[in-house]
Amino acid sequence: MITALVFIDADVALIPEVAEQIAALDGVTEVYSVTGRIDLIAVVRVRDHDAVAEVVTLRLNKVPGVKSTETHIAFRAYSSHDLEAAFSLGG
């Protein structure tokens, strides 16, 4: 399973609508509105890199109101459970 984080610059007047349309796309599991340089972050979880390309370039980028995207592929996930185990003193 491939996880990609897609940073999205959107038309500010359309952020809620853009987020809802992106969240409805197959392969997109979550969409967050965020502070900072970008407006939204979408989490894409698919089987392979070709599917990432399809979701991002053929669907997500074509949502009205999306101005630009930057895609980051995740290497490894660290959950809070993993972090607790790493710092546990065995007690």
C-alpha atoms as a PDB file:
ATOM      1  CA  MET A   1       0.000   0.000   0.000  1.00  0.00           C
ATOM      2  CA  ILE A   2       1.326   3.433  -0.990  1.00  0.00           C
ATOM      3  CA  THR A   3       0.478   6.505   1.078  1.00  0.00           C
ATOM      4  CA  ALA A   4       0.890   9.925  -0.490  1.00  0.00           C
ATOM      5  CA  LEU A   5       0.377  13.328   1.092  1.00  0.00           C
ATOM      6  CA  VAL A   6      -0.825  15.870  -1.444  1.00  0.00           C
ATOM      7  CA  PHE A   7      -0.342  19.542  -0.563  1.00  0.00           C
ATOM      8  CA  ILE A   8      -2.997  21.583  -2.340  1.00  0.00           C
ATOM      9  CA  ASP A   9      -3.125  25.270  -3.161  1.00  0.00           C
ATOM     10  CA  ALA A  10      -6.780  26.105  -3.758  1.00  0.00           C
ATOM     11  CA  ASP A  11      -8.944  29.079  -4.627  1.00  0.00           C
ATOM     12  CA  VAL A  12      -9.555  30.534  -1.151  1.00  0.00           C
ATOM     13  CA  ALA A  13     -13.218  31.254  -1.895  1.00  0.00           C
ATOM     14  CA  LEU A  14     -13.805  27.575  -2.760  1.00  0.00           C
ATOM     15  CA  ILE A  15     -11.825  25.710  -0.082  1.00  0.00           C
ATOM     16  CA  PRO A  16     -14.798  23.883   1.522  1.00  0.00           C
ATOM     17  CA  GLU A  17     -16.194  22.804  -1.860  1.00  0.00           C
ATOM     18  CA  VAL A  18     -12.767  21.760  -3.146  1.00  0.00           C
ATOM     19  CA  ALA A  19     -12.104  19.751   0.026  1.00  0.00           C
ATOM     20  CA  GLU A  20     -15.448  17.941  -0.234  1.00  0.00           C
ATOM     21  CA  GLN A  21     -14.929  17.064  -3.899  1.00  0.00           C
ATOM     22  CA  ILE A  22     -11.413  15.775  -3.235  1.00  0.00           C
ATOM     23  CA  ALA A  23     -12.580  13.752  -0.213  1.00  0.00           C
ATOM     24  CA  ALA A  24     -15.119  12.003  -2.462  1.00  0.00           C
ATOM     25  CA  LEU A  25     -12.444  10.746  -4.901  1.00  0.00           C
ATOM     26  CA  ASP A  26     -11.576   7.037  -4.865  1.00  0.00           C
ATOM     27  CA  GLY A  27      -8.185   6.595  -3.229  1.00  0.00           C
ATOM     28  CA  VAL A  28      -8.453   9.724  -1.068  1.00  0.00           C
ATOM     29  CA  THR A  29      -8.940   8.747   2.574  1.00  0.00           C
ATOM     30  CA  GLU A  30      -8.758  12.145   4.288  1.00  0.00           C
ATOM     31  CA  VAL A  31      -8.592  15.841   3.487  1.00  0.00           C
ATOM     32  CA  TYR A  32      -7.481  18.473   5.998  1.00  0.00           C
ATOM     33  CA  SER A  33      -7.712  22.243   5.797  1.00  0.00           C
ATOM     34  CA  VAL A  34      -4.494  23.633   7.234  1.00  0.00           C
ATOM     35  CA  THR A  35      -2.726  26.857   8.091  1.00  0.00           C
ATOM     36  CA  GLY A  36       0.377  28.056   6.299  1.00  0.00           C
ATOM     37  CA  ARG A  37       1.488  28.251   2.691  1.00  0.00           C
ATOM     38  CA  ILE A  38      -0.951  25.591   1.453  1.00  0.00           C
ATOM     39  CA  ASP A  39      -4.701  25.324   1.919  1.00  0.00           C
ATOM     40  CA  LEU A  40      -5.429  21.592   2.038  1.00  0.00           C
ATOM     41  CA  ILE A  41      -3.637  18.294   2.572  1.00  0.00           C
ATOM     42  CA  ALA A  42      -5.132  15.147   1.061  1.00  0.00           C
ATOM     43  CA  VAL A  43      -4.089  11.664   2.133  1.00  0.00           C
ATOM     44  CA  VAL A  44      -4.080   9.216  -0.777  1.00  0.00           C
ATOM     45  CA  ARG A  45      -3.822   5.483  -0.049  1.00  0.00           C
ATOM     46  CA  VAL A  46      -3.602   3.213  -3.088  1.00  0.00           C
ATOM     47  CA  ARG A  47      -1.940  -0.021  -4.237  1.00  0.00           C
ATOM     48  CA  ASP A  48       0.900   1.309  -6.357  1.00  0.00           C
ATOM     49  CA  HIS A  49       2.649   4.368  -7.761  1.00  0.00           C
ATOM     50  CA  ASP A  50       0.640   4.253 -10.990  1.00  0.00           C
ATOM     51  CA  ALA A  51      -2.538   4.606  -8.928  1.00  0.00           C
ATOM     52  CA  VAL A  52      -1.060   7.642  -7.120  1.00  0.00           C
ATOM     53  CA  ALA A  53      -0.396   9.237 -10.499  1.00  0.00           C
ATOM     54  CA  GLU A  54      -3.933   8.475 -11.646  1.00  0.00           C
ATOM     55  CA  VAL A  55      -5.597   9.886  -8.530  1.00  0.00           C
ATOM     56  CA  VAL A  56      -3.484  13.038  -8.431  1.00  0.00           C
ATOM     57  CA  THR A  57      -3.035  13.920 -12.095  1.00  0.00           C
ATOM     58  CA  LEU A  58      -6.231  12.597 -13.642  1.00  0.00           C
ATOM     59  CA  ARG A  59      -8.722  13.365 -10.864  1.00  0.00           C
ATOM     60  CA  LEU A  60      -7.530  15.585  -8.008  1.00  0.00           C
ATOM     61  CA  ASN A  61      -5.795  18.183 -10.194  1.00  0.00           C
ATOM     62  CA  LYS A  62      -8.960  18.524 -12.273  1.00  0.00           C
ATOM     63  CA  VAL A  63     -11.217  19.491  -9.362  1.00  0.00           C
ATOM     64  CA  PRO A  64     -12.410  23.058  -9.999  1.00  0.00           C
ATOM     65  CA  GLY A  65     -10.639  25.408  -7.590  1.00  0.00           C
ATOM     66  CA  VAL A  66      -7.392  23.417  -7.355  1.00  0.00           C
ATOM     67  CA  LYS A  67      -4.607  25.792  -8.373  1.00  0.00           C
ATOM     68  CA  SER A  68      -1.567  23.549  -7.796  1.00  0.00           C
ATOM     69  CA  THR A  69      -0.427  20.439  -5.944  1.00  0.00           C
ATOM     70  CA  GLU A  70       2.764  18.995  -4.491  1.00  0.00           C
ATOM     71  CA  THR A  71       2.825  15.249  -3.810  1.00  0.00           C
ATOM     72  CA  HIS A  72       4.961  13.524  -1.165  1.00  0.00           C
ATOM     73  CA  ILE A  73       5.229   9.722  -0.966  1.00  0.00           C
ATOM     74  CA  ALA A  74       5.448   8.356   2.578  1.00  0.00           C
ATOM     75  CA  PHE A  75       8.262   5.896   3.337  1.00  0.00           C
ATOM     76  CA  ARG A  76       7.262   4.760   6.804  1.00  0.00           C
ATOM     77  CA  ALA A  77       4.439   5.476   9.263  1.00  0.00           C
ATOM     78  CA  TYR A  78       4.975   6.045  12.950  1.00  0.00           C
ATOM     79  CA  SER A  79       1.900   5.801  15.116  1.00  0.00           C
ATOM     80  CA  SER A  80       1.631   7.118  18.667  1.00  0.00           C
ATOM     81  CA  HIS A  81       1.603   3.474  19.777  1.00  0.00           C
ATOM     82  CA  ASP A  82       4.987   2.891  18.077  1.00  0.00           C
ATOM     83  CA  LEU A  83       6.419   5.991  19.740  1.00  0.00           C
ATOM     84  CA  GLU A  84       5.165   4.918  23.158  1.00  0.00           C
ATOM     85  CA  ALA A  85       6.825   1.514  22.724  1.00  0.00           C
ATOM     86  CA  ALA A  86      10.090   3.118  21.613  1.00  0.00           C
ATOM     87  CA  PHE A  87      10.269   5.301  24.714  1.00  0.00           C
ATOM     88  CA  SER A  88       8.918   2.766  27.193  1.00  0.00           C
ATOM     89  CA  LEU A  89      11.150   1.943  30.146  1.00  0.00           C
ATOM     90  CA  GLY A  90       9.600  -1.501  30.449  1.00  0.00           C
ATOM     91  CA  GLY A  91       7.464  -0.556  33.401  1.00  0.00           C
END
